[in-house]
């Protein structure tokens, strides 16, 4: 049985590598319980609608809990891994047109370090995630 599981895991990883290569644009939205309570599923729906409205081909994926619930809803723009926090439906058109469309960062949605006051762009730069390896699995 273990051999079968290893083969399946390898197939899934290969599919992810091919479908979500290093340059593919896609958006992930935390869909953990805390972020859902803050409206992440509505943000996801708004992102999908705005992408369609702007005639883009960008996939929006719901992820499991990212663990930083107080900053939800959290949205990560790939492949650049820009980490946006406390995203509201009103932010969605700007996220799609500026960040997804043009690669521009929206400063007010980025994390600001409490002690250093430094603005951090990517999830892996945040002290909360610094020593973690985050993985997104497809369905």
N, C-alpha and C. Protein backbone atom coordinates (compact mmCIF):
# COMPACT_ATOMS: atom_id res chain seq x y z
N UNK A 1 0.81 -1.20 0.00
CA UNK A 1 0.00 0.00 0.00
C UNK A 1 0.86 1.26 0.00
N UNK A 2 1.94 1.24 0.80
CA UNK A 2 2.78 2.43 0.89
C UNK A 2 3.34 2.82 -0.48
N UNK A 3 3.74 1.82 -1.26
CA UNK A 3 4.28 2.10 -2.59
C UNK A 3 3.25 2.82 -3.47
N UNK A 4 2.00 2.39 -3.40
CA UNK A 4 0.92 3.02 -4.14
C UNK A 4 0.74 4.48 -3.71
N UNK A 5 0.80 4.74 -2.41
CA UNK A 5 0.68 6.11 -1.89
C UNK A 5 1.83 6.98 -2.37
N UNK A 6 3.03 6.41 -2.39
CA UNK A 6 4.20 7.16 -2.87
C UNK A 6 4.05 7.53 -4.34
N UNK A 7 3.53 6.60 -5.13
CA UNK A 7 3.31 6.87 -6.56
C UNK A 7 2.27 7.96 -6.74
N UNK A 8 1.18 7.89 -5.98
CA UNK A 8 0.14 8.91 -6.07
C UNK A 8 0.67 10.28 -5.66
N UNK A 9 1.44 10.32 -4.57
CA UNK A 9 2.01 11.59 -4.11
C UNK A 9 2.93 12.17 -5.17
N UNK A 10 3.73 11.32 -5.80
CA UNK A 10 4.63 11.78 -6.86
C UNK A 10 3.83 12.34 -8.04
N UNK A 11 2.74 11.66 -8.40
CA UNK A 11 1.90 12.12 -9.51
C UNK A 11 1.29 13.48 -9.21
N UNK A 12 0.82 13.67 -7.98
CA UNK A 12 0.23 14.95 -7.58
C UNK A 12 1.28 16.05 -7.65
N UNK A 13 2.47 15.78 -7.12
CA UNK A 13 3.54 16.78 -7.14
C UNK A 13 3.94 17.13 -8.58
N UNK A 14 3.98 16.13 -9.45
CA UNK A 14 4.33 16.38 -10.85
C UNK A 14 3.25 17.23 -11.53
N UNK A 15 1.99 16.93 -11.24
CA UNK A 15 0.88 17.71 -11.80
C UNK A 15 0.95 19.16 -11.34
N UNK A 16 1.23 19.37 -10.06
CA UNK A 16 1.36 20.73 -9.54
C UNK A 16 2.52 21.46 -10.21
N UNK A 17 3.64 20.76 -10.36
CA UNK A 17 4.81 21.38 -10.98
C UNK A 17 4.49 21.82 -12.41
N UNK A 18 3.78 20.97 -13.15
CA UNK A 18 3.45 21.31 -14.53
C UNK A 18 2.39 22.39 -14.64
N UNK A 19 1.36 22.30 -13.80
CA UNK A 19 0.24 23.25 -13.88
C UNK A 19 0.51 24.57 -13.19
N UNK A 20 1.38 24.56 -12.18
CA UNK A 20 1.66 25.78 -11.43
C UNK A 20 3.16 26.01 -11.40
N UNK A 21 3.73 26.15 -12.58
CA UNK A 21 5.16 26.38 -12.70
C UNK A 21 5.57 27.70 -12.08
N UNK A 22 6.85 27.99 -12.10
CA UNK A 22 7.38 29.16 -11.40
C UNK A 22 6.88 30.50 -11.95
N UNK A 23 6.32 30.52 -13.15
CA UNK A 23 5.87 31.79 -13.73
C UNK A 23 4.36 31.90 -13.88
N UNK A 24 3.62 30.89 -13.47
CA UNK A 24 2.17 30.92 -13.64
C UNK A 24 1.53 31.85 -12.61
N UNK A 25 0.65 32.72 -13.10
CA UNK A 25 -0.08 33.62 -12.21
C UNK A 25 -1.31 32.90 -11.67
N UNK A 26 -1.45 32.94 -10.35
CA UNK A 26 -2.66 32.46 -9.70
C UNK A 26 -2.76 33.14 -8.35
N UNK A 27 -3.94 33.08 -7.78
CA UNK A 27 -4.21 33.76 -6.51
C UNK A 27 -4.71 32.73 -5.51
N UNK A 28 -4.18 32.78 -4.29
CA UNK A 28 -4.71 31.91 -3.24
C UNK A 28 -5.37 32.76 -2.17
N UNK A 29 -6.45 32.22 -1.63
CA UNK A 29 -7.22 32.90 -0.58
C UNK A 29 -7.35 31.92 0.58
N UNK A 30 -7.00 32.37 1.77
CA UNK A 30 -7.16 31.52 2.94
C UNK A 30 -8.65 31.24 3.16
N UNK A 31 -8.97 29.95 3.31
CA UNK A 31 -10.36 29.56 3.56
C UNK A 31 -10.49 28.81 4.87
N UNK A 32 -9.56 29.09 5.78
CA UNK A 32 -9.66 28.51 7.11
C UNK A 32 -10.82 29.14 7.87
N UNK A 33 -11.17 28.56 8.99
CA UNK A 33 -12.33 29.01 9.76
C UNK A 33 -12.27 30.49 10.12
N UNK A 34 -11.11 30.95 10.59
CA UNK A 34 -10.97 32.35 10.98
C UNK A 34 -11.16 33.30 9.81
N UNK A 35 -10.51 32.99 8.70
CA UNK A 35 -10.65 33.85 7.51
C UNK A 35 -12.06 33.80 6.94
N UNK A 36 -12.69 32.63 7.02
CA UNK A 36 -14.08 32.54 6.56
C UNK A 36 -14.97 33.46 7.39
N UNK A 37 -14.71 33.50 8.68
CA UNK A 37 -15.50 34.38 9.55
C UNK A 37 -15.31 35.85 9.16
N UNK A 38 -14.15 36.18 8.62
CA UNK A 38 -13.87 37.55 8.17
C UNK A 38 -14.31 37.79 6.73
N UNK A 39 -14.88 36.77 6.08
CA UNK A 39 -15.42 36.96 4.74
C UNK A 39 -14.56 36.51 3.58
N UNK A 40 -13.63 35.59 3.82
CA UNK A 40 -12.71 35.19 2.75
C UNK A 40 -13.40 34.53 1.56
N UNK A 41 -14.49 33.80 1.79
CA UNK A 41 -15.16 33.16 0.65
C UNK A 41 -15.82 34.20 -0.25
N UNK A 42 -16.31 35.28 0.33
CA UNK A 42 -16.88 36.36 -0.48
C UNK A 42 -15.77 37.10 -1.23
N UNK A 43 -14.62 37.23 -0.60
CA UNK A 43 -13.46 37.83 -1.28
C UNK A 43 -13.05 36.95 -2.46
N UNK A 44 -13.02 35.64 -2.25
CA UNK A 44 -12.67 34.71 -3.33
C UNK A 44 -13.64 34.85 -4.50
N UNK A 45 -14.93 34.89 -4.20
CA UNK A 45 -15.94 35.05 -5.24
C UNK A 45 -15.76 36.38 -5.99
N UNK A 46 -15.45 37.43 -5.25
CA UNK A 46 -15.23 38.75 -5.87
C UNK A 46 -13.99 38.72 -6.76
N UNK A 47 -12.93 38.04 -6.31
CA UNK A 47 -11.72 37.92 -7.12
C UNK A 47 -12.03 37.20 -8.44
N UNK A 48 -12.77 36.11 -8.35
CA UNK A 48 -13.13 35.35 -9.55
C UNK A 48 -13.97 36.19 -10.51
N UNK A 49 -14.92 36.93 -9.96
CA UNK A 49 -15.79 37.78 -10.79
C UNK A 49 -14.99 38.90 -11.46
N UNK A 50 -14.07 39.51 -10.71
CA UNK A 50 -13.27 40.61 -11.26
C UNK A 50 -12.30 40.10 -12.33
N UNK A 51 -11.75 38.93 -12.12
CA UNK A 51 -10.86 38.34 -13.13
C UNK A 51 -11.63 38.10 -14.42
N UNK A 52 -12.84 37.59 -14.28
CA UNK A 52 -13.68 37.36 -15.46
C UNK A 52 -14.04 38.69 -16.13
N UNK A 53 -14.38 39.69 -15.32
CA UNK A 53 -14.75 41.01 -15.83
C UNK A 53 -13.59 41.64 -16.61
N UNK A 54 -12.37 41.45 -16.11
CA UNK A 54 -11.19 42.02 -16.77
C UNK A 54 -10.61 41.08 -17.83
N UNK A 55 -11.35 40.01 -18.12
CA UNK A 55 -11.00 39.06 -19.18
C UNK A 55 -9.59 38.49 -19.01
N UNK A 56 -9.27 38.07 -17.79
CA UNK A 56 -7.97 37.46 -17.50
C UNK A 56 -8.15 35.96 -17.31
N UNK A 57 -7.07 35.25 -17.50
CA UNK A 57 -7.09 33.80 -17.26
C UNK A 57 -6.18 33.52 -16.07
N UNK A 58 -6.71 33.75 -14.89
CA UNK A 58 -5.98 33.56 -13.65
C UNK A 58 -6.87 32.74 -12.72
N UNK A 59 -6.31 31.68 -12.17
CA UNK A 59 -7.09 30.83 -11.29
C UNK A 59 -7.04 31.36 -9.86
N UNK A 60 -8.15 31.22 -9.14
CA UNK A 60 -8.23 31.59 -7.73
C UNK A 60 -8.47 30.31 -6.95
N UNK A 61 -7.57 30.02 -6.01
CA UNK A 61 -7.66 28.79 -5.23
C UNK A 61 -7.90 29.11 -3.75
N UNK A 62 -8.78 28.35 -3.13
CA UNK A 62 -8.98 28.44 -1.69
C UNK A 62 -7.97 27.51 -1.04
N UNK A 63 -7.31 27.99 0.00
CA UNK A 63 -6.35 27.15 0.72
C UNK A 63 -6.91 26.81 2.09
N UNK A 64 -6.23 25.93 2.76
CA UNK A 64 -6.55 25.66 4.15
C UNK A 64 -6.06 26.83 4.99
N UNK A 65 -6.22 26.71 6.27
CA UNK A 65 -5.84 27.77 7.20
C UNK A 65 -4.35 28.10 7.06
N UNK A 66 -4.05 29.38 6.96
CA UNK A 66 -2.66 29.84 6.90
C UNK A 66 -2.10 30.13 8.28
N UNK A 67 -2.96 30.07 9.30
CA UNK A 67 -2.50 30.17 10.67
C UNK A 67 -2.43 31.56 11.27
N UNK A 68 -2.52 32.58 10.48
CA UNK A 68 -2.37 33.96 10.96
C UNK A 68 -3.75 34.62 10.96
N UNK A 69 -4.69 34.00 11.67
CA UNK A 69 -6.11 34.34 11.59
C UNK A 69 -6.42 35.82 11.86
N UNK A 70 -5.68 36.44 12.73
CA UNK A 70 -5.98 37.84 13.06
C UNK A 70 -5.77 38.78 11.88
N UNK A 71 -5.08 38.32 10.84
CA UNK A 71 -4.81 39.15 9.67
C UNK A 71 -5.71 38.81 8.48
N UNK A 72 -6.69 37.97 8.70
CA UNK A 72 -7.57 37.52 7.61
C UNK A 72 -8.58 38.56 7.19
N UNK A 73 -9.13 38.35 6.00
CA UNK A 73 -8.77 37.37 5.00
C UNK A 73 -7.41 37.68 4.37
N UNK A 74 -6.68 36.60 4.13
CA UNK A 74 -5.35 36.73 3.53
C UNK A 74 -5.39 36.26 2.08
N UNK A 75 -4.72 37.01 1.22
CA UNK A 75 -4.66 36.70 -0.21
C UNK A 75 -3.19 36.73 -0.62
N UNK A 76 -2.76 35.71 -1.35
CA UNK A 76 -1.38 35.67 -1.85
C UNK A 76 -1.43 35.65 -3.37
N UNK A 77 -0.68 36.56 -3.98
CA UNK A 77 -0.61 36.67 -5.44
C UNK A 77 0.65 35.95 -5.91
N UNK A 78 0.49 34.93 -6.70
CA UNK A 78 1.60 34.12 -7.20
C UNK A 78 1.86 34.47 -8.67
N UNK A 79 3.05 34.38 -9.17
CA UNK A 79 4.21 33.73 -8.58
C UNK A 79 5.05 34.64 -7.69
N UNK A 80 4.71 35.92 -7.60
CA UNK A 80 5.51 36.86 -6.81
C UNK A 80 5.36 36.66 -5.31
N UNK A 81 4.31 35.97 -4.90
CA UNK A 81 4.02 35.67 -3.49
C UNK A 81 3.75 36.92 -2.66
N UNK A 82 3.18 37.94 -3.28
CA UNK A 82 2.79 39.12 -2.51
C UNK A 82 1.69 38.73 -1.54
N UNK A 83 1.88 39.09 -0.28
CA UNK A 83 0.98 38.68 0.80
C UNK A 83 0.13 39.87 1.23
N UNK A 84 -1.16 39.78 0.97
CA UNK A 84 -2.09 40.84 1.37
C UNK A 84 -2.91 40.37 2.55
N UNK A 85 -3.10 41.26 3.49
CA UNK A 85 -3.82 40.95 4.72
C UNK A 85 -5.08 41.81 4.86
N UNK A 86 -6.02 41.31 5.64
CA UNK A 86 -7.26 42.03 5.93
C UNK A 86 -7.93 42.54 4.65
N UNK A 87 -7.96 41.69 3.64
CA UNK A 87 -8.51 42.07 2.34
C UNK A 87 -10.03 42.16 2.41
N UNK A 88 -10.55 43.22 1.83
CA UNK A 88 -12.00 43.44 1.76
C UNK A 88 -12.45 43.35 0.30
N UNK A 89 -13.73 43.11 0.11
CA UNK A 89 -14.28 43.03 -1.25
C UNK A 89 -13.95 44.30 -2.04
N UNK A 90 -13.96 45.44 -1.36
CA UNK A 90 -13.68 46.72 -2.02
C UNK A 90 -12.25 46.79 -2.57
N UNK A 91 -11.34 45.97 -2.03
CA UNK A 91 -9.95 45.96 -2.48
C UNK A 91 -9.75 45.16 -3.77
N UNK A 92 -10.70 44.30 -4.08
CA UNK A 92 -10.53 43.33 -5.17
C UNK A 92 -10.26 43.95 -6.54
N UNK A 93 -11.02 44.94 -7.02
CA UNK A 93 -10.71 45.49 -8.36
C UNK A 93 -9.28 46.02 -8.46
N UNK A 94 -8.81 46.66 -7.42
CA UNK A 94 -7.45 47.19 -7.42
C UNK A 94 -6.42 46.06 -7.41
N UNK A 95 -6.68 45.01 -6.63
CA UNK A 95 -5.76 43.87 -6.58
C UNK A 95 -5.63 43.25 -7.97
N UNK A 96 -6.76 43.05 -8.63
CA UNK A 96 -6.72 42.41 -9.94
C UNK A 96 -6.08 43.33 -10.99
N UNK A 97 -6.48 44.59 -11.03
CA UNK A 97 -5.93 45.48 -12.06
C UNK A 97 -4.46 45.82 -11.81
N UNK A 98 -4.11 46.13 -10.58
CA UNK A 98 -2.73 46.57 -10.30
C UNK A 98 -1.77 45.40 -10.08
N UNK A 99 -2.07 44.53 -9.12
CA UNK A 99 -1.10 43.50 -8.77
C UNK A 99 -1.11 42.35 -9.77
N UNK A 100 -2.28 41.79 -10.04
CA UNK A 100 -2.34 40.67 -10.98
C UNK A 100 -2.06 41.15 -12.40
N UNK A 101 -2.65 42.25 -12.79
CA UNK A 101 -2.51 42.75 -14.15
C UNK A 101 -1.17 43.39 -14.47
N UNK A 102 -0.66 44.20 -13.54
CA UNK A 102 0.55 44.98 -13.83
C UNK A 102 1.75 44.65 -12.95
N UNK A 103 1.56 43.80 -11.93
CA UNK A 103 2.65 43.46 -11.04
C UNK A 103 2.96 44.52 -10.01
N UNK A 104 2.06 45.50 -9.85
CA UNK A 104 2.27 46.57 -8.87
C UNK A 104 1.77 46.13 -7.50
N UNK A 105 2.47 46.58 -6.47
CA UNK A 105 2.12 46.23 -5.10
C UNK A 105 1.22 47.30 -4.51
N UNK A 106 0.27 46.88 -3.70
CA UNK A 106 -0.63 47.80 -3.00
C UNK A 106 -0.16 47.87 -1.55
N UNK A 107 0.54 48.93 -1.22
CA UNK A 107 1.22 49.06 0.07
C UNK A 107 0.31 48.92 1.28
N UNK A 108 -0.89 49.48 1.21
CA UNK A 108 -1.76 49.47 2.39
C UNK A 108 -2.22 48.06 2.78
N UNK A 109 -2.11 47.10 1.84
CA UNK A 109 -2.54 45.73 2.13
C UNK A 109 -1.39 44.84 2.61
N UNK A 110 -0.18 45.36 2.56
CA UNK A 110 0.98 44.59 2.99
C UNK A 110 1.11 44.58 4.51
N UNK A 111 1.85 43.62 5.02
CA UNK A 111 2.09 43.51 6.46
C UNK A 111 3.16 44.50 6.88
N UNK A 112 2.92 45.16 7.99
CA UNK A 112 3.90 46.09 8.55
C UNK A 112 4.35 45.54 9.89
N UNK A 113 5.66 45.32 10.02
CA UNK A 113 6.23 44.75 11.24
C UNK A 113 5.99 45.69 12.41
N UNK A 114 5.46 45.16 13.48
CA UNK A 114 5.11 45.99 14.65
C UNK A 114 6.29 46.71 15.26
N UNK A 115 7.43 46.03 15.36
CA UNK A 115 8.58 46.62 16.03
C UNK A 115 9.45 47.46 15.10
N UNK A 116 9.76 46.94 13.94
CA UNK A 116 10.68 47.65 13.04
C UNK A 116 9.96 48.65 12.13
N UNK A 117 8.63 48.51 12.04
CA UNK A 117 7.79 49.34 11.16
C UNK A 117 8.10 49.12 9.68
N UNK A 118 8.89 48.09 9.38
CA UNK A 118 9.24 47.77 8.01
C UNK A 118 8.07 47.07 7.32
N UNK A 119 7.80 47.45 6.07
CA UNK A 119 6.75 46.81 5.28
C UNK A 119 7.33 45.55 4.66
N UNK A 120 6.60 44.44 4.82
CA UNK A 120 7.06 43.15 4.30
C UNK A 120 6.14 42.71 3.17
N UNK A 121 6.73 42.28 2.08
CA UNK A 121 5.99 41.97 0.86
C UNK A 121 5.49 40.54 0.77
N UNK A 122 6.31 39.59 1.20
CA UNK A 122 6.00 38.18 0.96
C UNK A 122 5.73 37.43 2.25
N UNK A 123 4.91 36.40 2.11
CA UNK A 123 4.54 35.58 3.25
C UNK A 123 5.76 35.07 4.01
N UNK A 124 6.76 34.58 3.26
CA UNK A 124 7.93 34.01 3.93
C UNK A 124 8.78 35.06 4.64
N UNK A 125 8.55 36.35 4.38
CA UNK A 125 9.28 37.42 5.06
C UNK A 125 8.70 37.75 6.43
N UNK A 126 7.46 37.37 6.67
CA UNK A 126 6.81 37.67 7.94
C UNK A 126 7.39 36.81 9.05
N UNK A 127 7.69 37.40 10.21
CA UNK A 127 8.23 36.62 11.31
C UNK A 127 7.38 35.39 11.65
N UNK A 128 6.07 35.52 11.53
CA UNK A 128 5.15 34.42 11.84
C UNK A 128 5.43 33.20 10.96
N UNK A 129 5.83 33.43 9.72
CA UNK A 129 6.05 32.34 8.76
C UNK A 129 7.52 32.04 8.49
N UNK A 130 8.41 32.84 9.02
CA UNK A 130 9.83 32.80 8.65
C UNK A 130 10.43 31.39 8.62
N UNK A 131 10.09 30.56 9.59
CA UNK A 131 10.69 29.23 9.67
C UNK A 131 9.77 28.13 9.16
N UNK A 132 8.70 28.51 8.47
CA UNK A 132 7.75 27.53 7.97
C UNK A 132 7.92 27.34 6.47
N UNK A 133 7.54 26.17 5.99
CA UNK A 133 7.49 25.89 4.55
C UNK A 133 6.03 25.75 4.19
N UNK A 134 5.51 26.66 3.40
CA UNK A 134 4.09 26.64 3.02
C UNK A 134 3.94 25.92 1.69
N UNK A 135 2.97 25.03 1.60
CA UNK A 135 2.72 24.26 0.39
C UNK A 135 1.25 24.35 0.04
N UNK A 136 0.94 24.60 -1.24
CA UNK A 136 -0.45 24.64 -1.71
C UNK A 136 -0.69 23.38 -2.53
N UNK A 137 -1.71 22.63 -2.14
CA UNK A 137 -2.07 21.42 -2.89
C UNK A 137 -3.33 21.70 -3.68
N UNK A 138 -3.37 21.23 -4.91
CA UNK A 138 -4.56 21.39 -5.76
C UNK A 138 -5.58 20.32 -5.47
N UNK A 139 -6.77 20.50 -6.01
CA UNK A 139 -7.81 19.50 -5.78
C UNK A 139 -7.83 18.50 -6.91
